[in-house]
Amino acid sequence: MRLVVVGLVVVLVMAGAAVLGLPEAALVPLLPVVVLFVAVVFNRGRMPTAGQFTDLIIPR
């Protein structure tokens, strides 16, 4: 259930940023930041490891 809520919140935040007129070049780097922030909030503060951050930025 938490994963669904995280997904919905991320979609709503990104849609809101697009509606507010944020340029597309700014939306791309905003997505990982929003995903991490919302995931940390909904997972009660457990931060991803350094390896998980690297995989998010540089996908394999």
N, C-alpha and C. Protein backbone atom coordinates (compact mmCIF):
# COMPACT_ATOMS: atom_id res chain seq x y z
N MET A 1 0.82 -1.19 0.00
CA MET A 1 0.00 0.00 0.00
C MET A 1 0.87 1.26 0.00
N ARG A 2 1.98 1.21 0.74
CA ARG A 2 2.87 2.37 0.78
C ARG A 2 3.43 2.69 -0.60
N LEU A 3 3.77 1.65 -1.35
CA LEU A 3 4.34 1.85 -2.68
C LEU A 3 3.34 2.55 -3.59
N VAL A 4 2.08 2.21 -3.48
CA VAL A 4 1.04 2.85 -4.29
C VAL A 4 0.91 4.32 -3.90
N VAL A 5 0.93 4.60 -2.63
CA VAL A 5 0.82 5.99 -2.16
C VAL A 5 2.03 6.79 -2.62
N VAL A 6 3.23 6.22 -2.52
CA VAL A 6 4.44 6.91 -2.98
C VAL A 6 4.31 7.22 -4.46
N GLY A 7 3.88 6.25 -5.24
CA GLY A 7 3.72 6.46 -6.68
C GLY A 7 2.72 7.55 -7.00
N LEU A 8 1.59 7.54 -6.31
CA LEU A 8 0.58 8.56 -6.54
C LEU A 8 1.07 9.96 -6.17
N VAL A 9 1.76 10.07 -5.05
CA VAL A 9 2.27 11.38 -4.62
C VAL A 9 3.32 11.89 -5.61
N VAL A 10 4.18 11.01 -6.08
CA VAL A 10 5.20 11.42 -7.04
C VAL A 10 4.55 11.91 -8.33
N VAL A 11 3.55 11.18 -8.81
CA VAL A 11 2.86 11.59 -10.03
C VAL A 11 2.17 12.94 -9.83
N LEU A 12 1.53 13.12 -8.69
CA LEU A 12 0.86 14.39 -8.42
C LEU A 12 1.84 15.56 -8.34
N VAL A 13 2.97 15.36 -7.69
CA VAL A 13 3.97 16.43 -7.57
C VAL A 13 4.54 16.77 -8.94
N MET A 14 4.86 15.76 -9.74
CA MET A 14 5.43 16.02 -11.06
C MET A 14 4.41 16.68 -11.98
N ALA A 15 3.16 16.25 -11.90
CA ALA A 15 2.11 16.87 -12.71
C ALA A 15 1.90 18.32 -12.28
N GLY A 16 1.94 18.56 -10.99
CA GLY A 16 1.81 19.92 -10.48
C GLY A 16 2.95 20.81 -10.94
N ALA A 17 4.16 20.27 -10.95
CA ALA A 17 5.30 21.06 -11.42
C ALA A 17 5.17 21.39 -12.90
N ALA A 18 4.65 20.45 -13.68
CA ALA A 18 4.45 20.69 -15.11
C ALA A 18 3.35 21.73 -15.34
N VAL A 19 2.29 21.65 -14.56
CA VAL A 19 1.19 22.61 -14.69
C VAL A 19 1.65 24.01 -14.30
N LEU A 20 2.52 24.10 -13.33
CA LEU A 20 3.02 25.41 -12.89
C LEU A 20 3.97 26.03 -13.91
N GLY A 21 4.32 25.28 -14.94
CA GLY A 21 5.15 25.83 -16.00
C GLY A 21 6.64 25.62 -15.84
N LEU A 22 7.03 24.68 -15.02
CA LEU A 22 8.45 24.38 -14.87
C LEU A 22 8.97 23.84 -16.20
N PRO A 23 10.12 24.31 -16.67
CA PRO A 23 10.63 23.82 -17.96
C PRO A 23 10.94 22.33 -17.91
N GLU A 24 10.84 21.70 -19.08
CA GLU A 24 11.07 20.25 -19.15
C GLU A 24 12.48 19.89 -18.71
N ALA A 25 13.43 20.75 -18.96
CA ALA A 25 14.81 20.50 -18.55
C ALA A 25 14.94 20.44 -17.02
N ALA A 26 14.05 21.10 -16.32
CA ALA A 26 14.07 21.07 -14.86
C ALA A 26 13.29 19.89 -14.31
N LEU A 27 12.33 19.37 -15.07
CA LEU A 27 11.52 18.24 -14.59
C LEU A 27 12.33 16.95 -14.52
N VAL A 28 13.26 16.78 -15.46
CA VAL A 28 14.05 15.54 -15.49
C VAL A 28 14.87 15.37 -14.22
N PRO A 29 15.67 16.37 -13.78
CA PRO A 29 16.41 16.18 -12.53
C PRO A 29 15.52 16.25 -11.29
N LEU A 30 14.34 16.84 -11.41
CA LEU A 30 13.44 16.93 -10.26
C LEU A 30 12.85 15.57 -9.90
N LEU A 31 12.64 14.71 -10.88
CA LEU A 31 12.00 13.42 -10.64
C LEU A 31 12.72 12.57 -9.60
N PRO A 32 14.05 12.32 -9.73
CA PRO A 32 14.70 11.50 -8.69
C PRO A 32 14.66 12.13 -7.31
N VAL A 33 14.74 13.46 -7.26
CA VAL A 33 14.70 14.14 -5.97
C VAL A 33 13.34 13.94 -5.31
N VAL A 34 12.28 14.08 -6.09
CA VAL A 34 10.93 13.89 -5.56
C VAL A 34 10.72 12.45 -5.13
N VAL A 35 11.17 11.51 -5.94
CA VAL A 35 11.01 10.09 -5.61
C VAL A 35 11.72 9.78 -4.30
N LEU A 36 12.96 10.24 -4.15
CA LEU A 36 13.71 9.97 -2.92
C LEU A 36 13.05 10.60 -1.71
N PHE A 37 12.66 11.86 -1.84
CA PHE A 37 12.05 12.56 -0.71
C PHE A 37 10.76 11.87 -0.27
N VAL A 38 9.89 11.56 -1.21
CA VAL A 38 8.61 10.94 -0.86
C VAL A 38 8.83 9.54 -0.31
N ALA A 39 9.76 8.79 -0.90
CA ALA A 39 10.04 7.43 -0.40
C ALA A 39 10.58 7.46 1.02
N VAL A 40 11.46 8.40 1.31
CA VAL A 40 12.03 8.50 2.67
C VAL A 40 10.94 8.88 3.66
N VAL A 41 10.07 9.81 3.28
CA VAL A 41 9.00 10.23 4.18
C VAL A 41 8.05 9.06 4.47
N PHE A 42 7.67 8.32 3.43
CA PHE A 42 6.72 7.23 3.63
C PHE A 42 7.36 5.97 4.21
N ASN A 43 8.68 5.85 4.13
CA ASN A 43 9.36 4.70 4.74
C ASN A 43 9.91 5.05 6.11
N ARG A 44 9.39 6.09 6.68
CA ARG A 44 9.70 6.49 8.06
C ARG A 44 11.19 6.80 8.26
N GLY A 45 11.78 7.50 7.29
CA GLY A 45 13.13 8.02 7.48
C GLY A 45 14.27 7.10 7.11
N ARG A 46 14.01 5.91 6.61
CA ARG A 46 15.12 5.03 6.22
C ARG A 46 15.68 5.49 4.89
N MET A 47 16.92 5.95 4.92
CA MET A 47 17.57 6.50 3.73
C MET A 47 18.16 5.37 2.88
N PRO A 48 18.15 5.55 1.55
CA PRO A 48 18.82 4.58 0.68
C PRO A 48 20.33 4.61 0.89
N THR A 49 20.98 3.52 0.56
CA THR A 49 22.44 3.44 0.70
C THR A 49 23.10 4.21 -0.44
N ALA A 50 24.42 4.38 -0.33
CA ALA A 50 25.16 5.09 -1.37
C ALA A 50 25.08 4.36 -2.71
N GLY A 51 25.09 3.03 -2.66
CA GLY A 51 24.97 2.25 -3.90
C GLY A 51 23.62 2.44 -4.56
N GLN A 52 22.58 2.56 -3.78
CA GLN A 52 21.25 2.78 -4.33
C GLN A 52 21.14 4.17 -4.96
N PHE A 53 21.78 5.16 -4.33
CA PHE A 53 21.82 6.49 -4.92
C PHE A 53 22.53 6.47 -6.27
N THR A 54 23.66 5.76 -6.32
CA THR A 54 24.42 5.67 -7.57
C THR A 54 23.60 4.98 -8.65
N ASP A 55 22.90 3.92 -8.30
CA ASP A 55 22.07 3.22 -9.28
C ASP A 55 20.93 4.10 -9.77
N LEU A 56 20.44 4.98 -8.92
CA LEU A 56 19.37 5.89 -9.33
C LEU A 56 19.88 6.92 -10.34
N ILE A 57 21.08 7.43 -10.08
CA ILE A 57 21.64 8.47 -10.94
C ILE A 57 22.22 7.86 -12.22
N ILE A 58 22.94 6.75 -12.09
CA ILE A 58 23.58 6.09 -13.24
C ILE A 58 23.00 4.68 -13.33
N PRO A 59 21.90 4.51 -14.06
CA PRO A 59 21.29 3.18 -14.15
C PRO A 59 22.21 2.18 -14.86
N ARG A 60 22.13 0.94 -14.45
CA ARG A 60 22.96 -0.10 -15.06
C ARG A 60 22.22 -0.82 -16.13
